[in-house]
Amino acid sequence: MELGTLKIRIFQWAGWLSVIVGLFALAMLNISLLSGYDTPFNDRFSLFIVLSILFGTLAFFRRTSRTLGLWGIALAIFLILFMGVMFFLGWAIVPFP
């Protein structure tokens, strides 16, 4: 009986970890954009996105943690799209620096 609750808790923790890592990456992106300085976390920004997607897919397999997994995956996809759109907009303004 204890093993069943442990499995459920692992999926719940993976979902929450996915959301927390996604929010942390979003906060670091906002801080770096607002302050104009590169934070040390920006070097590992893709790692945070991959971790959020990884934990989100792990949490997606269980019905009780599916919404948390979707939130984590959605945050990661939003960050990828945001960075891509900002790159292309910046490149359209000044294509050759």
PDB file of N, CA and C in Angstrom:
ATOM      1  N   MET A   1       0.809  -1.193   0.000  1.00  0.00           N
ATOM      2  CA  MET A   1       0.000   0.000   0.000  1.00  0.00           C
ATOM      3  C   MET A   1       0.852   1.256   0.000  1.00  0.00           C
ATOM      4  N   GLU A   2       1.972   1.215   0.684  1.00  0.00           N
ATOM      5  CA  GLU A   2       2.856   2.375   0.736  1.00  0.00           C
ATOM      6  C   GLU A   2       3.505   2.655  -0.612  1.00  0.00           C
ATOM      7  N   LEU A   3       3.762   1.616  -1.384  1.00  0.00           N
ATOM      8  CA  LEU A   3       4.385   1.806  -2.686  1.00  0.00           C
ATOM      9  C   LEU A   3       3.444   2.534  -3.640  1.00  0.00           C
ATOM     10  N   GLY A   4       2.146   2.288  -3.525  1.00  0.00           N
ATOM     11  CA  GLY A   4       1.176   2.978  -4.374  1.00  0.00           C
ATOM     12  C   GLY A   4       1.122   4.462  -4.088  1.00  0.00           C
ATOM     13  N   THR A   5       1.141   4.843  -2.821  1.00  0.00           N
ATOM     14  CA  THR A   5       1.130   6.272  -2.490  1.00  0.00           C
ATOM     15  C   THR A   5       2.455   6.927  -2.848  1.00  0.00           C
ATOM     16  N   LEU A   6       3.549   6.165  -2.786  1.00  0.00           N
ATOM     17  CA  LEU A   6       4.847   6.713  -3.165  1.00  0.00           C
ATOM     18  C   LEU A   6       4.874   7.026  -4.655  1.00  0.00           C
ATOM     19  N   LYS A   7       4.286   6.157  -5.472  1.00  0.00           N
ATOM     20  CA  LYS A   7       4.235   6.403  -6.910  1.00  0.00           C
ATOM     21  C   LYS A   7       3.410   7.648  -7.228  1.00  0.00           C
ATOM     22  N   ILE A   8       2.292   7.807  -6.540  1.00  0.00           N
ATOM     23  CA  ILE A   8       1.451   8.979  -6.767  1.00  0.00           C
ATOM     24  C   ILE A   8       2.191  10.244  -6.356  1.00  0.00           C
ATOM     25  N   ARG A   9       2.907  10.202  -5.249  1.00  0.00           N
ATOM     26  CA  ARG A   9       3.632  11.378  -4.779  1.00  0.00           C
ATOM     27  C   ARG A   9       4.781  11.746  -5.707  1.00  0.00           C
ATOM     28  N   ILE A  10       5.411  10.756  -6.322  1.00  0.00           N
ATOM     29  CA  ILE A  10       6.502  11.049  -7.252  1.00  0.00           C
ATOM     30  C   ILE A  10       5.971  11.830  -8.441  1.00  0.00           C
ATOM     31  N   PHE A  11       4.809  11.432  -8.962  1.00  0.00           N
ATOM     32  CA  PHE A  11       4.233  12.145 -10.089  1.00  0.00           C
ATOM     33  C   PHE A  11       3.787  13.555  -9.686  1.00  0.00           C
ATOM     34  N   GLN A  12       3.233  13.693  -8.488  1.00  0.00           N
ATOM     35  CA  GLN A  12       2.848  15.021  -8.012  1.00  0.00           C
ATOM     36  C   GLN A  12       4.075  15.926  -7.853  1.00  0.00           C
ATOM     37  N   TRP A  13       5.135  15.398  -7.270  1.00  0.00           N
ATOM     38  CA  TRP A  13       6.348  16.189  -7.091  1.00  0.00           C
ATOM     39  C   TRP A  13       6.964  16.562  -8.433  1.00  0.00           C
ATOM     40  N   ALA A  14       6.916  15.649  -9.389  1.00  0.00           N
ATOM     41  CA  ALA A  14       7.445  15.964 -10.722  1.00  0.00           C
ATOM     42  C   ALA A  14       6.635  17.091 -11.359  1.00  0.00           C
ATOM     43  N   GLY A  15       5.323  17.079 -11.180  1.00  0.00           N
ATOM     44  CA  GLY A  15       4.488  18.145 -11.716  1.00  0.00           C
ATOM     45  C   GLY A  15       4.786  19.485 -11.081  1.00  0.00           C
ATOM     46  N   TRP A  16       4.879  19.504  -9.760  1.00  0.00           N
ATOM     47  CA  TRP A  16       5.185  20.754  -9.080  1.00  0.00           C
ATOM     48  C   TRP A  16       6.577  21.254  -9.424  1.00  0.00           C
ATOM     49  N   LEU A  17       7.520  20.322  -9.546  1.00  0.00           N
ATOM     50  CA  LEU A  17       8.882  20.717  -9.907  1.00  0.00           C
ATOM     51  C   LEU A  17       8.930  21.297 -11.319  1.00  0.00           C
ATOM     52  N   SER A  18       8.133  20.742 -12.209  1.00  0.00           N
ATOM     53  CA  SER A  18       8.049  21.269 -13.570  1.00  0.00           C
ATOM     54  C   SER A  18       7.526  22.702 -13.581  1.00  0.00           C
ATOM     55  N   VAL A  19       6.490  22.950 -12.818  1.00  0.00           N
ATOM     56  CA  VAL A  19       5.919  24.302 -12.754  1.00  0.00           C
ATOM     57  C   VAL A  19       6.901  25.269 -12.098  1.00  0.00           C
ATOM     58  N   ILE A  20       7.552  24.856 -11.032  1.00  0.00           N
ATOM     59  CA  ILE A  20       8.492  25.729 -10.324  1.00  0.00           C
ATOM     60  C   ILE A  20       9.697  26.056 -11.197  1.00  0.00           C
ATOM     61  N   VAL A  21      10.232  25.069 -11.904  1.00  0.00           N
ATOM     62  CA  VAL A  21      11.374  25.320 -12.783  1.00  0.00           C
ATOM     63  C   VAL A  21      10.959  26.236 -13.932  1.00  0.00           C
ATOM     64  N   GLY A  22       9.767  26.046 -14.483  1.00  0.00           N
ATOM     65  CA  GLY A  22       9.281  26.917 -15.544  1.00  0.00           C
ATOM     66  C   GLY A  22       9.093  28.352 -15.072  1.00  0.00           C
ATOM     67  N   LEU A  23       8.530  28.532 -13.884  1.00  0.00           N
ATOM     68  CA  LEU A  23       8.362  29.877 -13.338  1.00  0.00           C
ATOM     69  C   LEU A  23       9.694  30.528 -13.001  1.00  0.00           C
ATOM     70  N   PHE A  24      10.634  29.721 -12.525  1.00  0.00           N
ATOM     71  CA  PHE A  24      11.967  30.246 -12.228  1.00  0.00           C
ATOM     72  C   PHE A  24      12.653  30.716 -13.510  1.00  0.00           C
ATOM     73  N   ALA A  25      12.536  29.940 -14.572  1.00  0.00           N
ATOM     74  CA  ALA A  25      13.130  30.340 -15.847  1.00  0.00           C
ATOM     75  C   ALA A  25      12.464  31.606 -16.386  1.00  0.00           C
ATOM     76  N   LEU A  26      11.150  31.692 -16.232  1.00  0.00           N
ATOM     77  CA  LEU A  26      10.438  32.891 -16.672  1.00  0.00           C
ATOM     78  C   LEU A  26      10.853  34.111 -15.856  1.00  0.00           C
ATOM     79  N   ALA A  27      11.034  33.927 -14.563  1.00  0.00           N
ATOM     80  CA  ALA A  27      11.478  35.038 -13.710  1.00  0.00           C
ATOM     81  C   ALA A  27      12.894  35.471 -14.079  1.00  0.00           C
ATOM     82  N   MET A  28      13.778  34.531 -14.359  1.00  0.00           N
ATOM     83  CA  MET A  28      15.137  34.891 -14.740  1.00  0.00           C
ATOM     84  C   MET A  28      15.166  35.609 -16.085  1.00  0.00           C
ATOM     85  N   LEU A  29      14.305  35.200 -17.010  1.00  0.00           N
ATOM     86  CA  LEU A  29      14.220  35.895 -18.292  1.00  0.00           C
ATOM     87  C   LEU A  29      13.721  37.319 -18.097  1.00  0.00           C
ATOM     88  N   ASN A  30      12.723  37.501 -17.256  1.00  0.00           N
ATOM     89  CA  ASN A  30      12.199  38.845 -16.995  1.00  0.00           C
ATOM     90  C   ASN A  30      13.223  39.725 -16.290  1.00  0.00           C
ATOM     91  N   ILE A  31      13.934  39.164 -15.346  1.00  0.00           N
ATOM     92  CA  ILE A  31      14.950  39.939 -14.635  1.00  0.00           C
ATOM     93  C   ILE A  31      16.054  40.368 -15.588  1.00  0.00           C
ATOM     94  N   SER A  32      16.473  39.469 -16.464  1.00  0.00           N
ATOM     95  CA  SER A  32      17.548  39.837 -17.391  1.00  0.00           C
ATOM     96  C   SER A  32      17.068  40.860 -18.417  1.00  0.00           C
ATOM     97  N   LEU A  33      15.807  40.799 -18.831  1.00  0.00           N
ATOM     98  CA  LEU A  33      15.296  41.782 -19.780  1.00  0.00           C
ATOM     99  C   LEU A  33      15.082  43.144 -19.127  1.00  0.00           C
ATOM    100  N   LEU A  34      14.598  43.163 -17.899  1.00  0.00           N
ATOM    101  CA  LEU A  34      14.325  44.431 -17.223  1.00  0.00           C
ATOM    102  C   LEU A  34      15.587  45.118 -16.735  1.00  0.00           C
ATOM    103  N   SER A  35      16.552  44.341 -16.289  1.00  0.00           N
ATOM    104  CA  SER A  35      17.755  44.962 -15.742  1.00  0.00           C
ATOM    105  C   SER A  35      18.785  45.283 -16.820  1.00  0.00           C
ATOM    106  N   GLY A  36      18.771  44.572 -17.913  1.00  0.00           N
ATOM    107  CA  GLY A  36      19.738  44.813 -18.971  1.00  0.00           C
ATOM    108  C   GLY A  36      21.053  44.102 -18.745  1.00  0.00           C
ATOM    109  N   TYR A  37      21.181  43.388 -17.643  1.00  0.00           N
ATOM    110  CA  TYR A  37      22.395  42.645 -17.345  1.00  0.00           C
ATOM    111  C   TYR A  37      22.141  41.160 -17.552  1.00  0.00           C
ATOM    112  N   ASP A  38      23.186  40.458 -17.951  1.00  0.00           N
ATOM    113  CA  ASP A  38      23.067  39.009 -18.077  1.00  0.00           C
ATOM    114  C   ASP A  38      23.281  38.366 -16.712  1.00  0.00           C
ATOM    115  N   THR A  39      22.298  37.623 -16.276  1.00  0.00           N
ATOM    116  CA  THR A  39      22.433  36.917 -15.005  1.00  0.00           C
ATOM    117  C   THR A  39      23.173  35.612 -15.251  1.00  0.00           C
ATOM    118  N   PRO A  40      23.792  35.044 -14.235  1.00  0.00           N
ATOM    119  CA  PRO A  40      24.517  33.779 -14.427  1.00  0.00           C
ATOM    120  C   PRO A  40      23.590  32.620 -14.810  1.00  0.00           C
ATOM    121  N   PHE A  41      22.290  32.769 -14.558  1.00  0.00           N
ATOM    122  CA  PHE A  41      21.367  31.686 -14.885  1.00  0.00           C
ATOM    123  C   PHE A  41      21.063  31.636 -16.379  1.00  0.00           C
ATOM    124  N   ASN A  42      21.320  32.715 -17.104  1.00  0.00           N
ATOM    125  CA  ASN A  42      21.028  32.728 -18.524  1.00  0.00           C
ATOM    126  C   ASN A  42      21.934  31.791 -19.311  1.00  0.00           C
ATOM    127  N   ASP A  43      23.082  31.440 -18.751  1.00  0.00           N
ATOM    128  CA  ASP A  43      23.959  30.486 -19.423  1.00  0.00           C
ATOM    129  C   ASP A  43      23.326  29.097 -19.457  1.00  0.00           C
ATOM    130  N   ARG A  44      22.537  28.796 -18.454  1.00  0.00           N
ATOM    131  CA  ARG A  44      21.900  27.485 -18.352  1.00  0.00           C
ATOM    132  C   ARG A  44      20.393  27.559 -18.615  1.00  0.00           C
ATOM    133  N   PHE A  45      19.984  28.526 -19.405  1.00  0.00           N
ATOM    134  CA  PHE A  45      18.561  28.749 -19.625  1.00  0.00           C
ATOM    135  C   PHE A  45      17.909  27.583 -20.357  1.00  0.00           C
ATOM    136  N   SER A  46      18.607  27.013 -21.321  1.00  0.00           N
ATOM    137  CA  SER A  46      18.045  25.873 -22.051  1.00  0.00           C
ATOM    138  C   SER A  46      17.916  24.648 -21.142  1.00  0.00           C
ATOM    139  N   LEU A  47      18.790  24.535 -20.145  1.00  0.00           N
ATOM    140  CA  LEU A  47      18.685  23.432 -19.188  1.00  0.00           C
ATOM    141  C   LEU A  47      17.397  23.535 -18.391  1.00  0.00           C
ATOM    142  N   PHE A  48      17.015  24.743 -17.987  1.00  0.00           N
ATOM    143  CA  PHE A  48      15.773  24.918 -17.241  1.00  0.00           C
ATOM    144  C   PHE A  48      14.562  24.567 -18.098  1.00  0.00           C
ATOM    145  N   ILE A  49      14.608  24.923 -19.359  1.00  0.00           N
ATOM    146  CA  ILE A  49      13.488  24.603 -20.254  1.00  0.00           C
ATOM    147  C   ILE A  49      13.381  23.100 -20.452  1.00  0.00           C
ATOM    148  N   VAL A  50      14.516  22.428 -20.655  1.00  0.00           N
ATOM    149  CA  VAL A  50      14.502  20.967 -20.841  1.00  0.00           C
ATOM    150  C   VAL A  50      14.031  20.274 -19.577  1.00  0.00           C
ATOM    151  N   LEU A  51      14.461  20.736 -18.417  1.00  0.00           N
ATOM    152  CA  LEU A  51      14.005  20.134 -17.157  1.00  0.00           C
ATOM    153  C   LEU A  51      12.504  20.320 -16.967  1.00  0.00           C
ATOM    154  N   SER A  52      11.996  21.474 -17.311  1.00  0.00           N
ATOM    155  CA  SER A  52      10.563  21.715 -17.183  1.00  0.00           C
ATOM    156  C   SER A  52       9.768  20.791 -18.106  1.00  0.00           C
ATOM    157  N   ILE A  53      10.239  20.607 -19.329  1.00  0.00           N
ATOM    158  CA  ILE A  53       9.555  19.705 -20.255  1.00  0.00           C
ATOM    159  C   ILE A  53       9.666  18.259 -19.782  1.00  0.00           C
ATOM    160  N   LEU A  54      10.836  17.878 -19.286  1.00  0.00           N
ATOM    161  CA  LEU A  54      11.051  16.501 -18.819  1.00  0.00           C
ATOM    162  C   LEU A  54      10.154  16.163 -17.626  1.00  0.00           C
ATOM    163  N   PHE A  55      10.150  17.020 -16.620  1.00  0.00           N
ATOM    164  CA  PHE A  55       9.308  16.770 -15.452  1.00  0.00           C
ATOM    165  C   PHE A  55       7.820  16.886 -15.796  1.00  0.00           C
ATOM    166  N   GLY A  56       7.492  17.766 -16.735  1.00  0.00           N
ATOM    167  CA  GLY A  56       6.104  17.910 -17.165  1.00  0.00           C
ATOM    168  C   GLY A  56       5.588  16.665 -17.868  1.00  0.00           C
ATOM    169  N   THR A  57       6.413  16.078 -18.713  1.00  0.00           N
ATOM    170  CA  THR A  57       5.983  14.837 -19.381  1.00  0.00           C
ATOM    171  C   THR A  57       5.894  13.684 -18.394  1.00  0.00           C
ATOM    172  N   LEU A  58       6.768  13.666 -17.400  1.00  0.00           N
ATOM    173  CA  LEU A  58       6.676  12.626 -16.371  1.00  0.00           C
ATOM    174  C   LEU A  58       5.387  12.770 -15.574  1.00  0.00           C
ATOM    175  N   ALA A  59       5.011  13.994 -15.251  1.00  0.00           N
ATOM    176  CA  ALA A  59       3.780  14.225 -14.491  1.00  0.00           C
ATOM    177  C   ALA A  59       2.537  14.041 -15.344  1.00  0.00           C
ATOM    178  N   PHE A  60       2.674  14.122 -16.647  1.00  0.00           N
ATOM    179  CA  PHE A  60       1.527  14.003 -17.549  1.00  0.00           C
ATOM    180  C   PHE A  60       0.959  12.587 -17.587  1.00  0.00           C
ATOM    181  N   PHE A  61       1.746  11.589 -17.192  1.00  0.00           N
ATOM    182  CA  PHE A  61       1.293  10.203 -17.275  1.00  0.00           C
ATOM    183  C   PHE A  61       0.252   9.845 -16.218  1.00  0.00           C
ATOM    184  N   ARG A  62       0.216  10.543 -15.113  1.00  0.00           N
ATOM    185  CA  ARG A  62      -0.744  10.251 -14.052  1.00  0.00           C
ATOM    186  C   ARG A  62      -1.881  11.254 -14.115  1.00  0.00           C
ATOM    187  N   ARG A  63      -3.091  10.779 -13.922  1.00  0.00           N
ATOM    188  CA  ARG A  63      -4.261  11.645 -14.066  1.00  0.00           C
ATOM    189  C   ARG A  63      -4.313  12.743 -13.003  1.00  0.00           C
ATOM    190  N   THR A  64      -3.865  12.444 -11.807  1.00  0.00           N
ATOM    191  CA  THR A  64      -3.948  13.428 -10.724  1.00  0.00           C
ATOM    192  C   THR A  64      -2.957  14.570 -10.897  1.00  0.00           C
ATOM    193  N   SER A  65      -1.878  14.332 -11.610  1.00  0.00           N
ATOM    194  CA  SER A  65      -0.867  15.382 -11.785  1.00  0.00           C
ATOM    195  C   SER A  65      -0.804  15.887 -13.222  1.00  0.00           C
ATOM    196  N   ARG A  66      -1.796  15.558 -14.023  1.00  0.00           N
ATOM    197  CA  ARG A  66      -1.777  15.929 -15.437  1.00  0.00           C
ATOM    198  C   ARG A  66      -1.828  17.443 -15.643  1.00  0.00           C
ATOM    199  N   THR A  67      -2.627  18.150 -14.842  1.00  0.00           N
ATOM    200  CA  THR A  67      -2.719  19.604 -15.021  1.00  0.00           C
ATOM    201  C   THR A  67      -1.398  20.298 -14.682  1.00  0.00           C
ATOM    202  N   LEU A  68      -0.710  19.791 -13.655  1.00  0.00           N
ATOM    203  CA  LEU A  68       0.593  20.366 -13.319  1.00  0.00           C
ATOM    204  C   LEU A  68       1.592  20.135 -14.445  1.00  0.00           C
ATOM    205  N   GLY A  69       1.556  18.961 -15.038  1.00  0.00           N
ATOM    206  CA  GLY A  69       2.437  18.668 -16.160  1.00  0.00           C
ATOM    207  C   GLY A  69       2.149  19.555 -17.353  1.00  0.00           C
ATOM    208  N   LEU A  70       0.872  19.794 -17.615  1.00  0.00           N
ATOM    209  CA  LEU A  70       0.505  20.668 -18.723  1.00  0.00           C
ATOM    210  C   LEU A  70       0.963  22.106 -18.471  1.00  0.00           C
ATOM    211  N   TRP A  71       0.852  22.562 -17.236  1.00  0.00           N
ATOM    212  CA  TRP A  71       1.316  23.911 -16.908  1.00  0.00           C
ATOM    213  C   TRP A  71       2.824  24.035 -17.110  1.00  0.00           C
ATOM    214  N   GLY A  72       3.565  23.033 -16.668  1.00  0.00           N
ATOM    215  CA  GLY A  72       5.019  23.059 -16.839  1.00  0.00           C
ATOM    216  C   GLY A  72       5.424  23.031 -18.301  1.00  0.00           C
ATOM    217  N   ILE A  73       4.779  22.173 -19.086  1.00  0.00           N
ATOM    218  CA  ILE A  73       5.073  22.092 -20.517  1.00  0.00           C
ATOM    219  C   ILE A  73       4.673  23.384 -21.216  1.00  0.00           C
ATOM    220  N   ALA A  74       3.529  23.957 -20.832  1.00  0.00           N
ATOM    221  CA  ALA A  74       3.073  25.201 -21.454  1.00  0.00           C
ATOM    222  C   ALA A  74       4.038  26.351 -21.143  1.00  0.00           C
ATOM    223  N   LEU A  75       4.563  26.407 -19.936  1.00  0.00           N
ATOM    224  CA  LEU A  75       5.543  27.443 -19.607  1.00  0.00           C
ATOM    225  C   LEU A  75       6.808  27.286 -20.438  1.00  0.00           C
ATOM    226  N   ALA A  76       7.259  26.060 -20.616  1.00  0.00           N
ATOM    227  CA  ALA A  76       8.461  25.825 -21.405  1.00  0.00           C
ATOM    228  C   ALA A  76       8.240  26.182 -22.871  1.00  0.00           C
ATOM    229  N   ILE A  77       7.089  25.818 -23.419  1.00  0.00           N
ATOM    230  CA  ILE A  77       6.787  26.149 -24.812  1.00  0.00           C
ATOM    231  C   ILE A  77       6.652  27.660 -24.980  1.00  0.00           C
ATOM    232  N   PHE A  78       6.043  28.326 -24.008  1.00  0.00           N
ATOM    233  CA  PHE A  78       5.945  29.782 -24.068  1.00  0.00           C
ATOM    234  C   PHE A  78       7.326  30.421 -24.079  1.00  0.00           C
ATOM    235  N   LEU A  79       8.222  29.937 -23.243  1.00  0.00           N
ATOM    236  CA  LEU A  79       9.572  30.501 -23.204  1.00  0.00           C
ATOM    237  C   LEU A  79      10.307  30.280 -24.521  1.00  0.00           C
ATOM    238  N   ILE A  80      10.146  29.118 -25.118  1.00  0.00           N
ATOM    239  CA  ILE A  80      10.787  28.843 -26.404  1.00  0.00           C
ATOM    240  C   ILE A  80      10.233  29.763 -27.481  1.00  0.00           C
ATOM    241  N   LEU A  81       8.908  29.896 -27.539  1.00  0.00           N
ATOM    242  CA  LEU A  81       8.298  30.773 -28.538  1.00  0.00           C
ATOM    243  C   LEU A  81       8.677  32.230 -28.311  1.00  0.00           C
ATOM    244  N   PHE A  82       8.706  32.666 -27.066  1.00  0.00           N
ATOM    245  CA  PHE A  82       9.059  34.049 -26.758  1.00  0.00           C
ATOM    246  C   PHE A  82      10.482  34.358 -27.192  1.00  0.00           C
ATOM    247  N   MET A  83      11.408  33.465 -26.875  1.00  0.00           N
ATOM    248  CA  MET A  83      12.791  33.709 -27.264  1.00  0.00           C
ATOM    249  C   MET A  83      12.949  33.685 -28.779  1.00  0.00           C
ATOM    250  N   GLY A  84      12.231  32.808 -29.465  1.00  0.00           N
ATOM    251  CA  GLY A  84      12.296  32.763 -30.921  1.00  0.00           C
ATOM    252  C   GLY A  84      11.730  34.011 -31.560  1.00  0.00           C
ATOM    253  N   VAL A  85      10.589  34.470 -31.073  1.00  0.00           N
ATOM    254  CA  VAL A  85       9.978  35.678 -31.624  1.00  0.00           C
ATOM    255  C   VAL A  85      10.860  36.892 -31.350  1.00  0.00           C
ATOM    256  N   MET A  86      11.421  36.987 -30.164  1.00  0.00           N
ATOM    257  CA  MET A  86      12.285  38.125 -29.852  1.00  0.00           C
ATOM    258  C   MET A  86      13.562  38.106 -30.690  1.00  0.00           C
ATOM    259  N   PHE A  87      14.078  36.919 -30.962  1.00  0.00           N
ATOM    260  CA  PHE A  87      15.260  36.829 -31.811  1.00  0.00           C
ATOM    261  C   PHE A  87      14.949  37.308 -33.222  1.00  0.00           C
ATOM    262  N   PHE A  88      13.846  36.832 -33.782  1.00  0.00           N
ATOM    263  CA  PHE A  88      13.516  37.212 -35.149  1.00  0.00           C
ATOM    264  C   PHE A  88      13.118  38.689 -35.260  1.00  0.00           C
ATOM    265  N   LEU A  89      12.465  39.228 -34.257  1.00  0.00           N
ATOM    266  CA  LEU A  89      12.158  40.661 -34.287  1.00  0.00           C
ATOM    267  C   LEU A  89      13.422  41.504 -34.185  1.00  0.00           C
ATOM    268  N   GLY A  90      14.322  41.101 -33.307  1.00  0.00           N
ATOM    269  CA  GLY A  90      15.586  41.825 -33.194  1.00  0.00           C
ATOM    270  C   GLY A  90      16.423  41.689 -34.447  1.00  0.00           C
ATOM    271  N   TRP A  91      16.377  40.528 -35.073  1.00  0.00           N
ATOM    272  CA  TRP A  91      17.130  40.322 -36.299  1.00  0.00           C
ATOM    273  C   TRP A  91      16.520  41.097 -37.456  1.00  0.00           C
ATOM    274  N   ALA A  92      15.207  41.295 -37.445  1.00  0.00           N
ATOM    275  CA  ALA A  92      14.551  42.066 -38.504  1.00  0.00           C
ATOM    276  C   ALA A  92      14.881  43.543 -38.385  1.00  0.00           C
ATOM    277  N   ILE A  93      15.096  44.026 -37.173  1.00  0.00           N
ATOM    278  CA  ILE A  93      15.414  45.444 -36.989  1.00  0.00           C
ATOM    279  C   ILE A  93      16.868  45.718 -37.387  1.00  0.00           C
ATOM    280  N   VAL A  94      17.791  44.919 -36.874  1.00  0.00           N
ATOM    281  CA  VAL A  94      19.206  45.093 -37.166  1.00  0.00           C
ATOM    282  C   VAL A  94      19.753  43.737 -37.608  1.00  0.00           C
ATOM    283  N   PRO A  95      19.715  43.428 -38.913  1.00  0.00           N
ATOM    284  CA  PRO A  95      20.143  42.095 -39.332  1.00  0.00           C
ATOM    285  C   PRO A  95      21.659  41.876 -39.258  1.00  0.00           C
ATOM    286  N   PHE A  96      22.449  42.936 -39.446  1.00  0.00           N
ATOM    287  CA  PHE A  96      23.895  42.788 -39.401  1.00  0.00           C
ATOM    288  C   PHE A  96      24.475  43.813 -38.438  1.00  0.00           C
ATOM    289  N   PRO A  97      24.806  43.391 -37.217  1.00  0.00           N
ATOM    290  CA  PRO A  97      25.288  44.361 -36.219  1.00  0.00           C
ATOM    291  C   PRO A  97      26.655  44.899 -36.518  1.00  0.00           C
TER     292      PRO A  97
END
